[in-house]
Amino acid sequence: MSALFNFQSALLVLLLLICTSAYCHQLFPAFMDRKKGSAMWGIFWKCARIGERLSLYISICCVIFAVSLTSYLTFGSQKAD
């Protein structure tokens, strides 16, 4: 199923985009700041800003998502006899 039609997958893609953009902005700040006016790089720059300014909340969301995904994979895959 596509990530557009599944809320959990769309949330995962959004969290990964924010975390990856914030990490890349930390490594290459001049490159991302120079390219923030373009359409494609502007999205990454905005996601990096969200990741930097709301890093505590993004981290909490990542941990909650990881726990829920792990519990779903652990207990959701077992079939009842």
Protein backbone atom coordinates (compact mmCIF):
# COMPACT_ATOMS: atom_id res chain seq x y z
CA MET A 1 0.00 0.00 0.00
CA SER A 2 1.21 3.47 -0.77
CA ALA A 3 2.40 5.77 2.00
CA LEU A 4 -0.20 8.31 0.91
CA PHE A 5 -3.11 6.07 1.89
CA ASN A 6 -1.68 4.65 5.10
CA PHE A 7 -1.40 7.16 7.96
CA GLN A 8 1.30 5.23 9.81
CA SER A 9 3.49 5.04 6.70
CA ALA A 10 2.95 8.71 5.89
CA LEU A 11 3.95 9.63 9.44
CA LEU A 12 7.05 7.47 9.16
CA VAL A 13 8.06 9.16 5.88
CA LEU A 14 7.52 12.60 7.40
CA LEU A 15 9.56 11.82 10.52
CA LEU A 16 12.39 10.35 8.44
CA LEU A 17 12.37 13.39 6.14
CA ILE A 18 12.58 15.78 9.10
CA CYS A 19 15.33 13.82 10.86
CA THR A 20 17.39 13.33 7.70
CA SER A 21 17.08 16.99 6.69
CA ALA A 22 18.14 18.19 10.14
CA TYR A 23 21.14 15.86 10.09
CA CYS A 24 22.21 16.94 6.59
CA HIS A 25 21.80 20.60 7.53
CA GLN A 26 24.10 20.02 10.47
CA LEU A 27 26.74 18.51 8.15
CA PHE A 28 26.37 20.95 5.23
CA PRO A 29 24.81 24.19 6.54
CA ALA A 30 26.15 26.49 3.82
CA PHE A 31 24.89 24.28 1.01
CA MET A 32 21.35 24.05 2.36
CA ASP A 33 21.16 27.73 3.28
CA ARG A 34 22.32 28.72 -0.18
CA LYS A 35 19.75 26.47 -1.90
CA LYS A 36 16.73 27.30 0.29
CA GLY A 37 15.14 29.48 -2.40
CA SER A 38 14.62 26.60 -4.83
CA ALA A 39 11.49 24.48 -4.68
CA MET A 40 13.01 21.08 -3.95
CA TRP A 41 15.78 22.19 -1.59
CA GLY A 42 13.40 24.60 0.13
CA ILE A 43 11.33 21.69 1.38
CA PHE A 44 14.43 20.07 2.87
CA TRP A 45 15.49 23.38 4.41
CA LYS A 46 12.06 23.82 6.03
CA CYS A 47 12.11 20.26 7.35
CA ALA A 48 15.59 20.90 8.76
CA ARG A 49 14.28 24.01 10.56
CA ILE A 50 11.42 21.99 12.03
CA GLY A 51 13.87 19.30 13.14
CA GLU A 52 16.20 21.84 14.75
CA ARG A 53 13.58 23.94 16.51
CA LEU A 54 11.32 21.11 17.64
CA SER A 55 14.05 18.53 18.20
CA LEU A 56 12.72 17.43 21.59
CA TYR A 57 9.23 16.77 20.24
CA ILE A 58 10.54 15.12 17.08
CA SER A 59 12.76 12.85 19.20
CA ILE A 60 9.84 11.89 21.42
CA CYS A 61 7.72 11.15 18.35
CA CYS A 62 10.50 8.96 16.89
CA VAL A 63 10.80 6.98 20.13
CA ILE A 64 7.03 6.52 20.42
CA PHE A 65 6.82 5.48 16.80
CA ALA A 66 9.69 3.01 17.19
CA VAL A 67 8.07 1.43 20.26
CA SER A 68 4.68 1.17 18.57
CA LEU A 69 6.19 -0.29 15.41
CA THR A 70 8.26 -2.78 17.38
CA SER A 71 5.28 -3.88 19.44
CA TYR A 72 3.17 -4.18 16.29
CA LEU A 73 5.81 -6.34 14.60
CA THR A 74 6.31 -8.45 17.72
CA PHE A 75 2.71 -9.03 18.78
CA GLY A 76 0.87 -8.33 15.55
CA SER A 77 2.57 -11.09 13.59
CA GLN A 78 1.61 -13.85 16.06
CA LYS A 79 -1.49 -15.76 15.12
CA ALA A 80 -3.99 -16.91 17.70
CA ASP A 81 -4.39 -20.68 17.85
